[in-house]
Amino acid sequence: MATVPGVVYLKPSPEEEYFKSAGDAVAAGDTLALVEVMKSFIPLTAPSDGTFVGYLVENEQPVDPGQAIAELG
């Protein structure tokens, strides 16, 4: 879930793969995305262990506080 308004990045850098793919194991604290606010990048981390289901937003899309970013199973 986004904690601040900004632009969400689902990859660590444009050349790299997404942080997670459907079916990946997720541990609490794993980085799922970054939100950029005024050139600062804030990591969005998994709240608990689980399986990554998928992203609910597109890469480089504006997001609002409280907006769901990814789904865990």
C-alpha atoms as a PDB file:
ATOM      1  CA  MET A   1       0.000   0.000   0.000  1.00  0.00           C
ATOM      2  CA  ALA A   2       1.335   3.422  -0.907  1.00  0.00           C
ATOM      3  CA  THR A   3       2.197   5.510   2.138  1.00  0.00           C
ATOM      4  CA  VAL A   4       2.756   8.789   0.285  1.00  0.00           C
ATOM      5  CA  PRO A   5       1.595  10.335  -2.997  1.00  0.00           C
ATOM      6  CA  GLY A   6       4.039  10.005  -5.868  1.00  0.00           C
ATOM      7  CA  VAL A   7       5.034   7.905  -8.850  1.00  0.00           C
ATOM      8  CA  VAL A   8       5.370   4.149  -8.332  1.00  0.00           C
ATOM      9  CA  TYR A   9       8.273   2.187  -9.776  1.00  0.00           C
ATOM     10  CA  LEU A  10       7.921  -1.585  -9.938  1.00  0.00           C
ATOM     11  CA  LYS A  11      11.569  -2.129 -10.944  1.00  0.00           C
ATOM     12  CA  PRO A  12      14.787  -1.153  -9.136  1.00  0.00           C
ATOM     13  CA  SER A  13      15.949   0.517 -12.380  1.00  0.00           C
ATOM     14  CA  PRO A  14      14.650   0.704 -15.969  1.00  0.00           C
ATOM     15  CA  GLU A  15      17.047  -2.034 -17.139  1.00  0.00           C
ATOM     16  CA  GLU A  16      16.140  -4.519 -14.407  1.00  0.00           C
ATOM     17  CA  GLU A  17      13.243  -6.933 -13.949  1.00  0.00           C
ATOM     18  CA  TYR A  18      10.235  -6.202 -11.724  1.00  0.00           C
ATOM     19  CA  PHE A  19      10.830  -6.565  -7.988  1.00  0.00           C
ATOM     20  CA  LYS A  20       8.446  -9.565  -7.918  1.00  0.00           C
ATOM     21  CA  SER A  21       6.616 -11.782 -10.410  1.00  0.00           C
ATOM     22  CA  ALA A  22       3.431 -13.814  -9.958  1.00  0.00           C
ATOM     23  CA  GLY A  23       4.155 -16.915  -7.903  1.00  0.00           C
ATOM     24  CA  ASP A  24       7.300 -15.555  -6.226  1.00  0.00           C
ATOM     25  CA  ALA A  25       7.722 -16.209  -2.520  1.00  0.00           C
ATOM     26  CA  VAL A  26       7.594 -13.018  -0.458  1.00  0.00           C
ATOM     27  CA  ALA A  27       9.060 -12.500   2.998  1.00  0.00           C
ATOM     28  CA  ALA A  28       7.931  -9.748   5.347  1.00  0.00           C
ATOM     29  CA  GLY A  29      10.060  -6.694   4.598  1.00  0.00           C
ATOM     30  CA  ASP A  30      10.820  -7.576   0.958  1.00  0.00           C
ATOM     31  CA  THR A  31      10.734  -4.525  -1.315  1.00  0.00           C
ATOM     32  CA  LEU A  32       7.800  -4.710  -3.733  1.00  0.00           C
ATOM     33  CA  ALA A  33       8.042  -1.235  -5.281  1.00  0.00           C
ATOM     34  CA  LEU A  34       9.418   2.273  -4.855  1.00  0.00           C
ATOM     35  CA  VAL A  35       7.449   5.516  -4.651  1.00  0.00           C
ATOM     36  CA  GLU A  36       9.271   8.611  -5.869  1.00  0.00           C
ATOM     37  CA  VAL A  37       8.456  11.884  -4.163  1.00  0.00           C
ATOM     38  CA  MET A  38      10.532  14.942  -5.078  1.00  0.00           C
ATOM     39  CA  LYS A  39      13.528  12.817  -6.201  1.00  0.00           C
ATOM     40  CA  SER A  40      13.407  10.679  -3.039  1.00  0.00           C
ATOM     41  CA  PHE A  41      12.591   6.976  -3.435  1.00  0.00           C
ATOM     42  CA  ILE A  42      10.605   5.369  -0.627  1.00  0.00           C
ATOM     43  CA  PRO A  43      10.518   1.547  -0.593  1.00  0.00           C
ATOM     44  CA  LEU A  44       7.162  -0.188  -0.252  1.00  0.00           C
ATOM     45  CA  THR A  45       7.709  -3.440   1.599  1.00  0.00           C
ATOM     46  CA  ALA A  46       5.680  -6.596   2.134  1.00  0.00           C
ATOM     47  CA  PRO A  47       3.807  -6.522   5.455  1.00  0.00           C
ATOM     48  CA  SER A  48       3.951 -10.324   5.852  1.00  0.00           C
ATOM     49  CA  ASP A  49       5.179 -13.553   4.290  1.00  0.00           C
ATOM     50  CA  GLY A  50       3.200 -14.988   1.379  1.00  0.00           C
ATOM     51  CA  THR A  51       3.081 -15.556  -2.345  1.00  0.00           C
ATOM     52  CA  PHE A  52       3.122 -12.677  -4.802  1.00  0.00           C
ATOM     53  CA  VAL A  53      -0.123 -12.622  -6.814  1.00  0.00           C
ATOM     54  CA  GLY A  54       0.491  -9.513  -8.915  1.00  0.00           C
ATOM     55  CA  TYR A  55       0.700  -5.752  -9.153  1.00  0.00           C
ATOM     56  CA  LEU A  56      -2.487  -3.678  -9.068  1.00  0.00           C
ATOM     57  CA  VAL A  57      -0.913  -0.621 -10.736  1.00  0.00           C
ATOM     58  CA  GLU A  58       1.227   0.034 -13.801  1.00  0.00           C
ATOM     59  CA  ASN A  59       4.899   0.962 -13.636  1.00  0.00           C
ATOM     60  CA  GLU A  60       5.500   4.737 -13.405  1.00  0.00           C
ATOM     61  CA  GLN A  61       1.843   5.440 -12.547  1.00  0.00           C
ATOM     62  CA  PRO A  62       0.901   8.160 -10.037  1.00  0.00           C
ATOM     63  CA  VAL A  63      -0.384   6.736  -6.745  1.00  0.00           C
ATOM     64  CA  ASP A  64      -2.149   8.144  -3.705  1.00  0.00           C
ATOM     65  CA  PRO A  65      -1.627   7.379  -0.012  1.00  0.00           C
ATOM     66  CA  GLY A  66      -3.516   4.218   0.951  1.00  0.00           C
ATOM     67  CA  GLN A  67      -3.690   2.942  -2.638  1.00  0.00           C
ATOM     68  CA  ALA A  68      -3.068  -0.806  -2.978  1.00  0.00           C
ATOM     69  CA  ILE A  69       0.032  -1.526  -5.077  1.00  0.00           C
ATOM     70  CA  ALA A  70       0.289  -5.336  -5.047  1.00  0.00           C
ATOM     71  CA  GLU A  71      -1.631  -8.415  -3.986  1.00  0.00           C
ATOM     72  CA  LEU A  72      -0.171 -11.159  -1.802  1.00  0.00           C
ATOM     73  CA  GLY A  73      -1.713 -14.565  -1.259  1.00  0.00           C
END
